[in-house]
């Protein structure tokens, strides 16, 4: 059954890249729930539908940039991540510099500053990974897919996904300033302990 879903998503990506009008509605129906799950906890609940709408407008507007040989889900989730960041930046009202957050009383200030710093380190490190390794890690983290599900959706052997993930995580460990920062990216379906070296 997962194979049917992966084939359907792949075929949907081909139709979307070909600017077929019927692809948009189906793309929204297939990927809308995934986007909502991804955005939950990343943007305020009241804003999720607004961000989803912006994402799908961009998906349709830039459909010609999508490479059908790649993962449609990963492409859409990358757009969603960027639009979520843009949305949060546009809402900045009561912000404090990162340096001030570190000195805030209680665990919240230090925790928030630490998470922001780790997130920035992770974004830089992910951008420096080879495409195939980044794709496997992003699908696991952003789409909350297991390695088996990733293998089915990309139509590659499970061992290949495990190797891409392991190599990518080793590279992330070497690229990230603080090796402890890698611990927050532990999605479902990936090994529980990773070497950061």
N, C-alpha and C. Protein backbone atom coordinates (compact mmCIF):
# COMPACT_ATOMS: atom_id res chain seq x y z
N UNK A 1 0.83 -1.20 0.00
CA UNK A 1 0.00 0.00 0.00
C UNK A 1 0.87 1.26 0.00
N UNK A 2 1.97 1.26 0.77
CA UNK A 2 2.87 2.41 0.78
C UNK A 2 3.47 2.62 -0.60
N UNK A 3 3.69 1.53 -1.32
CA UNK A 3 4.25 1.59 -2.68
C UNK A 3 3.29 2.33 -3.61
N UNK A 4 2.01 2.05 -3.45
CA UNK A 4 0.99 2.73 -4.27
C UNK A 4 1.03 4.23 -3.98
N UNK A 5 1.13 4.60 -2.70
CA UNK A 5 1.19 6.01 -2.32
C UNK A 5 2.42 6.69 -2.88
N UNK A 6 3.57 6.01 -2.83
CA UNK A 6 4.81 6.57 -3.36
C UNK A 6 4.71 6.77 -4.87
N UNK A 7 4.14 5.80 -5.56
CA UNK A 7 3.97 5.92 -7.01
C UNK A 7 3.01 7.06 -7.34
N UNK A 8 1.96 7.19 -6.55
CA UNK A 8 0.97 8.25 -6.78
C UNK A 8 1.61 9.63 -6.58
N UNK A 9 2.43 9.77 -5.53
CA UNK A 9 3.10 11.04 -5.27
C UNK A 9 4.10 11.35 -6.39
N UNK A 10 4.83 10.34 -6.84
CA UNK A 10 5.80 10.53 -7.92
C UNK A 10 5.09 10.98 -9.20
N UNK A 11 3.98 10.31 -9.52
CA UNK A 11 3.20 10.66 -10.71
C UNK A 11 2.60 12.06 -10.56
N UNK A 12 2.20 12.40 -9.37
CA UNK A 12 1.67 13.73 -9.09
C UNK A 12 2.74 14.79 -9.33
N UNK A 13 3.97 14.50 -8.91
CA UNK A 13 5.08 15.42 -9.15
C UNK A 13 5.33 15.66 -10.63
N UNK A 14 5.22 14.60 -11.42
CA UNK A 14 5.40 14.72 -12.88
C UNK A 14 4.31 15.61 -13.46
N UNK A 15 3.07 15.37 -13.04
CA UNK A 15 1.96 16.19 -13.54
C UNK A 15 2.08 17.64 -13.10
N UNK A 16 2.51 17.85 -11.86
CA UNK A 16 2.67 19.21 -11.36
C UNK A 16 3.74 19.95 -12.15
N UNK A 17 4.88 19.30 -12.38
CA UNK A 17 5.96 19.91 -13.16
C UNK A 17 5.52 20.20 -14.59
N UNK A 18 4.59 19.40 -15.09
CA UNK A 18 4.05 19.60 -16.44
C UNK A 18 2.93 20.62 -16.48
N UNK A 19 2.66 21.28 -15.37
CA UNK A 19 1.65 22.34 -15.28
C UNK A 19 0.24 21.85 -15.58
N UNK A 20 -0.03 20.61 -15.23
CA UNK A 20 -1.39 20.08 -15.42
C UNK A 20 -2.28 20.68 -14.34
N UNK A 21 -3.37 21.31 -14.74
CA UNK A 21 -4.26 22.00 -13.81
C UNK A 21 -4.82 21.08 -12.72
N UNK A 22 -5.13 19.83 -13.09
CA UNK A 22 -5.71 18.90 -12.11
C UNK A 22 -4.70 18.50 -11.03
N UNK A 23 -3.43 18.74 -11.26
CA UNK A 23 -2.39 18.34 -10.30
C UNK A 23 -2.46 19.18 -9.03
N UNK A 24 -2.89 20.43 -9.15
CA UNK A 24 -2.89 21.30 -7.98
C UNK A 24 -3.85 20.80 -6.90
N UNK A 25 -5.09 20.50 -7.28
CA UNK A 25 -6.07 20.03 -6.29
C UNK A 25 -5.61 18.74 -5.63
N UNK A 26 -5.06 17.84 -6.43
CA UNK A 26 -4.60 16.57 -5.89
C UNK A 26 -3.38 16.76 -4.98
N UNK A 27 -2.51 17.68 -5.38
CA UNK A 27 -1.34 17.99 -4.56
C UNK A 27 -1.78 18.53 -3.20
N UNK A 28 -2.76 19.40 -3.22
CA UNK A 28 -3.29 19.96 -1.98
C UNK A 28 -3.90 18.86 -1.10
N UNK A 29 -4.66 17.98 -1.72
CA UNK A 29 -5.31 16.89 -0.97
C UNK A 29 -4.28 15.92 -0.39
N UNK A 30 -3.24 15.61 -1.17
CA UNK A 30 -2.23 14.63 -0.73
C UNK A 30 -1.27 15.22 0.29
N UNK A 31 -0.81 16.44 0.05
CA UNK A 31 0.26 16.99 0.87
C UNK A 31 -0.21 17.99 1.93
N UNK A 32 -1.45 18.44 1.84
CA UNK A 32 -1.98 19.37 2.84
C UNK A 32 -1.87 18.85 4.27
N UNK A 33 -2.32 17.62 4.54
CA UNK A 33 -2.20 17.09 5.90
C UNK A 33 -0.74 16.97 6.37
N UNK A 34 0.15 16.59 5.47
CA UNK A 34 1.57 16.50 5.82
C UNK A 34 2.10 17.88 6.20
N UNK A 35 1.74 18.90 5.44
CA UNK A 35 2.17 20.27 5.74
C UNK A 35 1.64 20.74 7.09
N UNK A 36 0.38 20.45 7.35
CA UNK A 36 -0.20 20.87 8.63
C UNK A 36 0.51 20.21 9.81
N UNK A 37 0.83 18.91 9.67
CA UNK A 37 1.58 18.22 10.73
C UNK A 37 2.96 18.84 10.90
N UNK A 38 3.60 19.14 9.79
CA UNK A 38 4.93 19.72 9.84
C UNK A 38 4.91 21.10 10.49
N UNK A 39 3.91 21.91 10.16
CA UNK A 39 3.86 23.29 10.67
C UNK A 39 3.40 23.37 12.12
N UNK A 40 2.69 22.34 12.58
CA UNK A 40 2.23 22.33 13.96
C UNK A 40 3.44 22.39 14.89
N UNK A 41 3.46 23.37 15.78
CA UNK A 41 4.58 23.55 16.68
C UNK A 41 5.67 24.46 16.11
N UNK A 42 5.59 24.76 14.82
CA UNK A 42 6.57 25.64 14.21
C UNK A 42 6.02 27.05 14.01
N UNK A 43 4.72 27.14 13.78
CA UNK A 43 4.04 28.43 13.71
C UNK A 43 2.83 28.34 14.63
N UNK A 44 2.31 29.47 15.07
CA UNK A 44 1.11 29.42 15.93
C UNK A 44 -0.02 28.68 15.22
N UNK A 45 -0.77 27.89 15.98
CA UNK A 45 -1.87 27.10 15.41
C UNK A 45 -2.83 27.94 14.58
N UNK A 46 -3.10 29.15 15.03
CA UNK A 46 -4.05 30.01 14.31
C UNK A 46 -3.52 30.42 12.94
N UNK A 47 -2.22 30.29 12.71
CA UNK A 47 -1.61 30.74 11.46
C UNK A 47 -1.29 29.60 10.49
N UNK A 48 -1.50 28.37 10.91
CA UNK A 48 -1.11 27.22 10.08
C UNK A 48 -1.78 27.27 8.71
N UNK A 49 -3.08 27.49 8.65
CA UNK A 49 -3.78 27.51 7.36
C UNK A 49 -3.26 28.62 6.45
N UNK A 50 -2.91 29.77 7.03
CA UNK A 50 -2.36 30.86 6.22
C UNK A 50 -1.04 30.46 5.60
N UNK A 51 -0.18 29.82 6.39
CA UNK A 51 1.13 29.40 5.87
C UNK A 51 0.96 28.30 4.83
N UNK A 52 0.03 27.37 5.07
CA UNK A 52 -0.23 26.31 4.08
C UNK A 52 -0.67 26.93 2.76
N UNK A 53 -1.53 27.93 2.81
CA UNK A 53 -1.99 28.59 1.60
C UNK A 53 -0.82 29.24 0.86
N UNK A 54 0.05 29.93 1.59
CA UNK A 54 1.20 30.58 0.97
C UNK A 54 2.11 29.53 0.32
N UNK A 55 2.30 28.41 1.00
CA UNK A 55 3.14 27.32 0.46
C UNK A 55 2.57 26.81 -0.85
N UNK A 56 1.27 26.54 -0.89
CA UNK A 56 0.69 25.99 -2.11
C UNK A 56 0.64 27.00 -3.25
N UNK A 57 0.51 28.28 -2.93
CA UNK A 57 0.60 29.30 -3.98
C UNK A 57 2.01 29.26 -4.58
N UNK A 58 3.01 29.14 -3.72
CA UNK A 58 4.39 29.08 -4.21
C UNK A 58 4.66 27.78 -4.97
N UNK A 59 4.10 26.68 -4.50
CA UNK A 59 4.27 25.41 -5.20
C UNK A 59 3.74 25.54 -6.63
N UNK A 60 2.56 26.12 -6.78
CA UNK A 60 1.98 26.26 -8.11
C UNK A 60 2.76 27.28 -8.95
N UNK A 61 3.12 28.38 -8.32
CA UNK A 61 3.82 29.45 -9.03
C UNK A 61 5.18 28.99 -9.56
N UNK A 62 5.88 28.17 -8.79
CA UNK A 62 7.23 27.74 -9.16
C UNK A 62 7.29 26.26 -9.55
N UNK A 63 6.17 25.72 -9.99
CA UNK A 63 6.11 24.29 -10.35
C UNK A 63 7.11 23.93 -11.43
N UNK A 64 7.47 24.88 -12.29
CA UNK A 64 8.44 24.63 -13.35
C UNK A 64 9.84 24.38 -12.81
N UNK A 65 10.10 24.79 -11.59
CA UNK A 65 11.41 24.57 -10.97
C UNK A 65 11.54 23.18 -10.35
N UNK A 66 10.41 22.51 -10.18
CA UNK A 66 10.45 21.19 -9.55
C UNK A 66 11.01 20.16 -10.52
N UNK A 67 11.95 19.37 -10.02
CA UNK A 67 12.56 18.29 -10.81
C UNK A 67 11.82 17.00 -10.46
N UNK A 68 11.04 16.45 -11.39
CA UNK A 68 10.24 15.26 -11.10
C UNK A 68 11.05 14.03 -10.70
N UNK A 69 12.35 14.05 -10.95
CA UNK A 69 13.17 12.91 -10.54
C UNK A 69 13.49 12.97 -9.04
N UNK A 70 13.16 14.08 -8.40
CA UNK A 70 13.41 14.26 -6.97
C UNK A 70 12.10 14.06 -6.19
N UNK A 71 12.19 14.14 -4.89
CA UNK A 71 11.03 13.93 -4.03
C UNK A 71 10.14 15.18 -3.99
N UNK A 72 8.88 15.01 -4.37
CA UNK A 72 7.92 16.12 -4.30
C UNK A 72 7.72 16.54 -2.85
N UNK A 73 7.61 15.56 -1.96
CA UNK A 73 7.39 15.88 -0.55
C UNK A 73 8.53 16.71 0.02
N UNK A 74 9.76 16.32 -0.26
CA UNK A 74 10.91 17.06 0.26
C UNK A 74 10.93 18.49 -0.29
N UNK A 75 10.58 18.64 -1.58
CA UNK A 75 10.56 19.96 -2.19
C UNK A 75 9.49 20.85 -1.53
N UNK A 76 8.31 20.29 -1.34
CA UNK A 76 7.22 21.06 -0.73
C UNK A 76 7.55 21.38 0.73
N UNK A 77 8.14 20.44 1.46
CA UNK A 77 8.50 20.69 2.86
C UNK A 77 9.60 21.74 2.98
N UNK A 78 10.50 21.78 2.02
CA UNK A 78 11.53 22.83 2.03
C UNK A 78 10.89 24.19 1.85
N UNK A 79 9.94 24.28 0.94
CA UNK A 79 9.21 25.54 0.76
C UNK A 79 8.47 25.89 2.04
N UNK A 80 7.84 24.90 2.66
CA UNK A 80 7.09 25.15 3.90
C UNK A 80 8.00 25.66 5.00
N UNK A 81 9.17 25.08 5.11
CA UNK A 81 10.12 25.52 6.14
C UNK A 81 10.48 26.99 5.92
N UNK A 82 10.76 27.34 4.68
CA UNK A 82 11.14 28.73 4.39
C UNK A 82 9.98 29.69 4.64
N UNK A 83 8.77 29.30 4.24
CA UNK A 83 7.62 30.18 4.46
C UNK A 83 7.28 30.29 5.95
N UNK A 84 7.48 29.22 6.71
CA UNK A 84 7.25 29.28 8.16
C UNK A 84 8.22 30.26 8.80
N UNK A 85 9.47 30.20 8.38
CA UNK A 85 10.48 31.14 8.91
C UNK A 85 10.10 32.56 8.53
N UNK A 86 9.73 32.78 7.27
CA UNK A 86 9.30 34.12 6.83
C UNK A 86 8.12 34.61 7.65
N UNK A 87 7.16 33.72 7.88
CA UNK A 87 5.97 34.08 8.63
C UNK A 87 6.34 34.51 10.06
N UNK A 88 7.20 33.73 10.68
CA UNK A 88 7.60 34.07 12.05
C UNK A 88 8.40 35.36 12.09
N UNK A 89 9.23 35.58 11.11
CA UNK A 89 10.00 36.83 11.06
C UNK A 89 9.08 38.03 10.88
N UNK A 90 8.03 37.87 10.08
CA UNK A 90 7.12 38.99 9.84
C UNK A 90 6.29 39.32 11.08
N UNK A 91 6.16 38.36 11.98
CA UNK A 91 5.37 38.56 13.19
C UNK A 91 6.18 39.08 14.35
N UNK A 92 7.47 39.26 14.17
CA UNK A 92 8.33 39.69 15.27
C UNK A 92 7.79 40.96 15.91
N UNK A 93 7.47 40.83 17.14
CA UNK A 93 7.01 41.99 17.90
C UNK A 93 7.86 42.13 19.14
N UNK A 94 7.69 41.19 20.03
CA UNK A 94 8.41 41.23 21.29
C UNK A 94 9.62 40.30 21.21
N UNK A 95 10.67 40.77 20.54
CA UNK A 95 11.85 39.95 20.41
C UNK A 95 12.98 40.54 21.23
N UNK A 96 13.89 39.70 21.60
CA UNK A 96 15.08 40.14 22.31
C UNK A 96 16.28 39.55 21.58
N UNK A 97 17.40 40.24 21.61
CA UNK A 97 18.60 39.68 20.99
C UNK A 97 18.98 38.35 21.64
N UNK A 98 19.60 37.48 20.89
CA UNK A 98 20.00 36.17 21.37
C UNK A 98 20.87 36.29 22.63
N UNK A 99 21.75 37.27 22.65
CA UNK A 99 22.63 37.45 23.80
C UNK A 99 21.82 37.76 25.08
N UNK A 100 20.75 38.54 24.93
CA UNK A 100 19.91 38.87 26.08
C UNK A 100 19.11 37.66 26.55
N UNK A 101 18.69 36.81 25.61
CA UNK A 101 17.91 35.63 25.98
C UNK A 101 18.74 34.68 26.84
N UNK A 102 20.04 34.62 26.61
CA UNK A 102 20.90 33.74 27.40
C UNK A 102 20.89 34.17 28.86
N UNK A 103 20.80 35.47 29.10
CA UNK A 103 20.86 35.96 30.47
C UNK A 103 19.50 36.05 31.15
N UNK A 104 18.42 35.67 30.46
CA UNK A 104 17.10 35.72 31.07
C UNK A 104 17.01 34.74 32.22
N UNK A 105 16.27 35.12 33.23
CA UNK A 105 16.12 34.26 34.40
C UNK A 105 15.35 32.99 34.04
N UNK A 106 15.72 31.89 34.66
CA UNK A 106 15.01 30.64 34.47
C UNK A 106 15.49 29.87 33.26
N UNK A 107 14.99 28.66 33.12
CA UNK A 107 15.46 27.79 32.03
C UNK A 107 14.95 28.23 30.66
N UNK A 108 13.85 28.98 30.60
CA UNK A 108 13.27 29.33 29.31
C UNK A 108 14.20 30.16 28.44
N UNK A 109 14.78 31.20 29.00
CA UNK A 109 15.65 32.08 28.21
C UNK A 109 16.86 31.34 27.68
N UNK A 110 17.50 30.60 28.56
CA UNK A 110 18.69 29.85 28.12
C UNK A 110 18.30 28.77 27.12
N UNK A 111 17.19 28.12 27.37
CA UNK A 111 16.75 27.05 26.48
C UNK A 111 16.41 27.60 25.10
N UNK A 112 15.72 28.71 25.04
CA UNK A 112 15.34 29.31 23.76
C UNK A 112 16.58 29.75 23.00
N UNK A 113 17.49 30.42 23.67
CA UNK A 113 18.71 30.88 23.02
C UNK A 113 19.52 29.70 22.49
N UNK A 114 19.58 28.67 23.27
CA UNK A 114 20.34 27.48 22.88
C UNK A 114 19.70 26.81 21.67
N UNK A 115 18.36 26.71 21.67
CA UNK A 115 17.67 26.09 20.53
C UNK A 115 17.84 26.91 19.26
N UNK A 116 17.78 28.24 19.37
CA UNK A 116 17.96 29.09 18.20
C UNK A 116 19.37 28.91 17.64
N UNK A 117 20.34 28.90 18.52
CA UNK A 117 21.73 28.74 18.09
C UNK A 117 21.93 27.38 17.41
N UNK A 118 21.39 26.31 18.02
CA UNK A 118 21.52 24.97 17.43
C UNK A 118 20.80 24.91 16.09
N UNK A 119 19.64 25.55 16.00
CA UNK A 119 18.87 25.54 14.76
C UNK A 119 19.66 26.23 13.64
N UNK A 120 20.28 27.34 13.95
CA UNK A 120 21.07 28.05 12.95
C UNK A 120 22.25 27.19 12.51
N UNK A 121 22.94 26.57 13.46
CA UNK A 121 24.05 25.67 13.13
C UNK A 121 23.57 24.54 12.24
N UNK A 122 22.41 23.98 12.56
CA UNK A 122 21.88 22.84 11.80
C UNK A 122 21.52 23.26 10.38
N UNK A 123 20.91 24.43 10.21
CA UNK A 123 20.53 24.89 8.87
C UNK A 123 21.76 25.08 7.99
N UNK A 124 22.80 25.65 8.54
CA UNK A 124 24.04 25.85 7.78
C UNK A 124 24.64 24.50 7.42
N UNK A 125 24.70 23.59 8.38
CA UNK A 125 25.29 22.27 8.15
C UNK A 125 24.47 21.48 7.13
N UNK A 126 23.14 21.49 7.23
CA UNK A 126 22.31 20.77 6.26
C UNK A 126 22.53 21.28 4.84
N UNK A 127 22.67 22.57 4.69
CA UNK A 127 22.87 23.16 3.36
C UNK A 127 24.20 22.69 2.75
N UNK A 128 25.15 22.27 3.57
CA UNK A 128 26.46 21.86 3.07
C UNK A 128 26.54 20.36 2.78
N UNK A 129 25.48 19.62 3.06
CA UNK A 129 25.48 18.18 2.78
C UNK A 129 25.23 17.93 1.30
N UNK A 130 25.71 16.80 0.78
CA UNK A 130 25.33 16.41 -0.59
C UNK A 130 23.80 16.25 -0.67
N UNK A 131 23.25 16.52 -1.84
CA UNK A 131 21.80 16.53 -2.01
C UNK A 131 21.12 15.25 -1.53
N UNK A 132 21.66 14.09 -1.88
CA UNK A 132 21.00 12.84 -1.53
C UNK A 132 21.00 12.60 -0.02
N UNK A 133 22.06 12.97 0.65
CA UNK A 133 22.11 12.82 2.11
C UNK A 133 21.16 13.80 2.79
N UNK A 134 21.15 15.05 2.31
CA UNK A 134 20.26 16.06 2.88
C UNK A 134 18.80 15.65 2.67
N UNK A 135 18.48 15.14 1.48
CA UNK A 135 17.11 14.73 1.18
C UNK A 135 16.64 13.65 2.16
N UNK A 136 17.47 12.64 2.41
CA UNK A 136 17.09 11.56 3.33
C UNK A 136 16.88 12.10 4.74
N UNK A 137 17.76 12.96 5.19
CA UNK A 137 17.65 13.50 6.56
C UNK A 137 16.45 14.43 6.66
N UNK A 138 16.23 15.27 5.66
CA UNK A 138 15.09 16.19 5.71
C UNK A 138 13.77 15.43 5.68
N UNK A 139 13.69 14.37 4.88
CA UNK A 139 12.44 13.59 4.83
C UNK A 139 12.18 12.91 6.17
N UNK A 140 13.24 12.47 6.83
CA UNK A 140 13.07 11.84 8.14
C UNK A 140 12.66 12.88 9.17
N UNK A 141 13.29 14.03 9.16
CA UNK A 141 13.02 15.03 10.18
C UNK A 141 11.76 15.84 9.88
N UNK A 142 11.70 16.43 8.71
CA UNK A 142 10.57 17.32 8.41
C UNK A 142 9.28 16.58 8.13
N UNK A 143 9.38 15.45 7.43
CA UNK A 143 8.17 14.70 7.09
C UNK A 143 7.89 13.61 8.11
N UNK A 144 8.78 13.43 9.07
CA UNK A 144 8.62 12.43 10.14
C UNK A 144 8.41 11.03 9.56
N UNK A 145 9.21 10.71 8.54
CA UNK A 145 9.11 9.40 7.89
C UNK A 145 10.19 8.47 8.43
N UNK A 146 9.89 7.19 8.47
CA UNK A 146 10.89 6.20 8.85
C UNK A 146 11.81 5.98 7.65
N UNK A 147 12.93 5.32 7.90
CA UNK A 147 13.85 5.04 6.80
C UNK A 147 13.18 4.14 5.76
N UNK A 148 12.38 3.20 6.20
CA UNK A 148 11.68 2.31 5.28
C UNK A 148 10.72 3.13 4.39
N UNK A 149 9.99 4.07 4.98
CA UNK A 149 9.07 4.90 4.20
C UNK A 149 9.82 5.77 3.20
N UNK A 150 10.96 6.29 3.61
CA UNK A 150 11.78 7.11 2.71
C UNK A 150 12.23 6.26 1.52
N UNK A 151 12.72 5.06 1.81
CA UNK A 151 13.18 4.16 0.75
C UNK A 151 12.05 3.87 -0.24
N UNK A 152 10.85 3.63 0.26
CA UNK A 152 9.71 3.36 -0.61
C UNK A 152 9.36 4.58 -1.46
N UNK A 153 9.37 5.76 -0.85
CA UNK A 153 8.98 6.96 -1.59
C UNK A 153 10.01 7.37 -2.63
N UNK A 154 11.27 7.10 -2.34
CA UNK A 154 12.32 7.45 -3.30
C UNK A 154 12.65 6.30 -4.24
N UNK A 155 12.02 5.16 -3.97
CA UNK A 155 12.22 3.96 -4.79
C UNK A 155 13.69 3.55 -4.85
N UNK A 156 14.30 3.50 -3.66
CA UNK A 156 15.69 3.03 -3.53
C UNK A 156 15.72 1.99 -2.42
N UNK A 157 16.73 1.13 -2.40
CA UNK A 157 16.81 0.11 -1.35
C UNK A 157 16.94 0.73 0.04
N UNK A 158 16.38 0.04 1.04
CA UNK A 158 16.45 0.51 2.42
C UNK A 158 17.90 0.72 2.85
N UNK A 159 18.79 -0.17 2.47
CA UNK A 159 20.20 -0.04 2.83
C UNK A 159 20.82 1.25 2.30
N UNK A 160 20.38 1.68 1.13
CA UNK A 160 20.88 2.92 0.55
C UNK A 160 20.47 4.11 1.41
N UNK A 161 19.21 4.12 1.86
CA UNK A 161 18.73 5.20 2.71
C UNK A 161 19.48 5.19 4.04
N UNK A 162 19.69 4.00 4.61
CA UNK A 162 20.44 3.91 5.86
C UNK A 162 21.86 4.44 5.69
N UNK A 163 22.49 4.12 4.58
CA UNK A 163 23.85 4.60 4.32
C UNK A 163 23.86 6.12 4.14
N UNK A 164 22.90 6.64 3.35
CA UNK A 164 22.84 8.09 3.14
C UNK A 164 22.62 8.82 4.46
N UNK A 165 21.72 8.27 5.27
CA UNK A 165 21.42 8.89 6.55
C UNK A 165 22.64 8.86 7.46
N UNK A 166 23.29 7.70 7.56
CA UNK A 166 24.45 7.57 8.44
C UNK A 166 25.58 8.49 7.99
N UNK A 167 25.86 8.51 6.70
CA UNK A 167 26.92 9.39 6.19
C UNK A 167 26.57 10.86 6.41
N UNK A 168 25.32 11.18 6.15
CA UNK A 168 24.89 12.57 6.35
C UNK A 168 24.98 12.99 7.80
N UNK A 169 24.59 12.10 8.70
CA UNK A 169 24.65 12.44 10.12
C UNK A 169 26.10 12.56 10.60
N UNK A 170 26.99 11.72 10.06
CA UNK A 170 28.42 11.86 10.40
C UNK A 170 28.95 13.20 9.92
N UNK A 171 28.56 13.57 8.70
CA UNK A 171 28.99 14.88 8.18
C UNK A 171 28.42 16.02 9.01
N UNK A 172 27.14 15.89 9.38
CA UNK A 172 26.54 16.93 10.22
C UNK A 172 27.33 17.08 11.51
N UNK A 173 27.70 15.97 12.10
CA UNK A 173 28.46 16.01 13.34
C UNK A 173 29.77 16.76 13.18
N UNK A 174 30.39 16.60 12.02
CA UNK A 174 31.65 17.29 11.77
C UNK A 174 31.43 18.77 11.44
N UNK A 175 30.28 19.09 10.85
CA UNK A 175 30.01 20.46 10.43
C UNK A 175 29.45 21.35 11.53
N UNK A 176 28.77 20.75 12.47
CA UNK A 176 28.11 21.53 13.52
C UNK A 176 29.13 21.93 14.57
N UNK A 177 29.06 23.18 14.97
CA UNK A 177 30.00 23.72 15.95
C UNK A 177 29.94 22.93 17.24
N UNK A 178 28.75 22.66 17.72
CA UNK A 178 28.57 21.93 18.97
C UNK A 178 28.02 20.54 18.65
N UNK A 179 28.80 19.46 18.86
CA UNK A 179 28.31 18.12 18.56
C UNK A 179 27.01 17.77 19.29
N UNK A 180 26.76 18.39 20.44
CA UNK A 180 25.53 18.11 21.17
C UNK A 180 24.30 18.59 20.41
N UNK A 181 24.47 19.53 19.49
CA UNK A 181 23.34 20.08 18.75
C UNK A 181 22.69 19.04 17.86
N UNK A 182 23.40 18.00 17.48
CA UNK A 182 22.83 16.98 16.60
C UNK A 182 21.73 16.19 17.29
N UNK A 183 21.70 16.17 18.60
CA UNK A 183 20.73 15.35 19.32
C UNK A 183 19.30 15.82 19.11
N UNK A 184 19.07 17.08 18.82
CA UNK A 184 17.70 17.57 18.69
C UNK A 184 17.07 17.15 17.37
N UNK A 185 17.83 16.66 16.40
CA UNK A 185 17.27 16.32 15.10
C UNK A 185 16.89 14.85 15.01
N UNK A 186 16.77 14.16 16.11
CA UNK A 186 16.52 12.72 16.09
C UNK A 186 15.06 12.41 15.75
N UNK A 187 14.76 12.15 14.47
CA UNK A 187 13.39 11.84 14.06
C UNK A 187 13.06 10.37 14.26
N UNK A 188 11.79 10.06 14.09
CA UNK A 188 11.35 8.67 14.18
C UNK A 188 11.99 7.87 13.08
N UNK A 189 12.35 6.63 13.39
CA UNK A 189 12.86 5.74 12.37
C UNK A 189 14.35 5.79 12.17
N UNK A 190 15.05 6.69 12.87
CA UNK A 190 16.50 6.73 12.76
C UNK A 190 17.10 6.14 14.03
N UNK A 191 18.32 5.66 13.95
CA UNK A 191 18.93 5.03 15.12
C UNK A 191 18.93 5.97 16.32
N UNK A 192 18.85 5.38 17.51
CA UNK A 192 18.76 6.17 18.73
C UNK A 192 20.06 6.78 19.16
N UNK A 193 21.19 6.26 18.72
CA UNK A 193 22.47 6.84 19.08
C UNK A 193 23.28 7.06 17.82
N UNK A 194 23.86 8.23 17.74
CA UNK A 194 24.64 8.57 16.57
C UNK A 194 26.01 9.04 17.01
N UNK A 195 27.00 8.70 16.26
CA UNK A 195 28.33 9.21 16.51
C UNK A 195 28.41 10.60 15.87
N UNK A 196 28.89 11.55 16.62
CA UNK A 196 28.97 12.91 16.12
C UNK A 196 30.31 13.17 15.44
N UNK A 197 31.20 12.22 15.41
CA UNK A 197 32.54 12.46 14.85
C UNK A 197 32.66 12.04 13.52
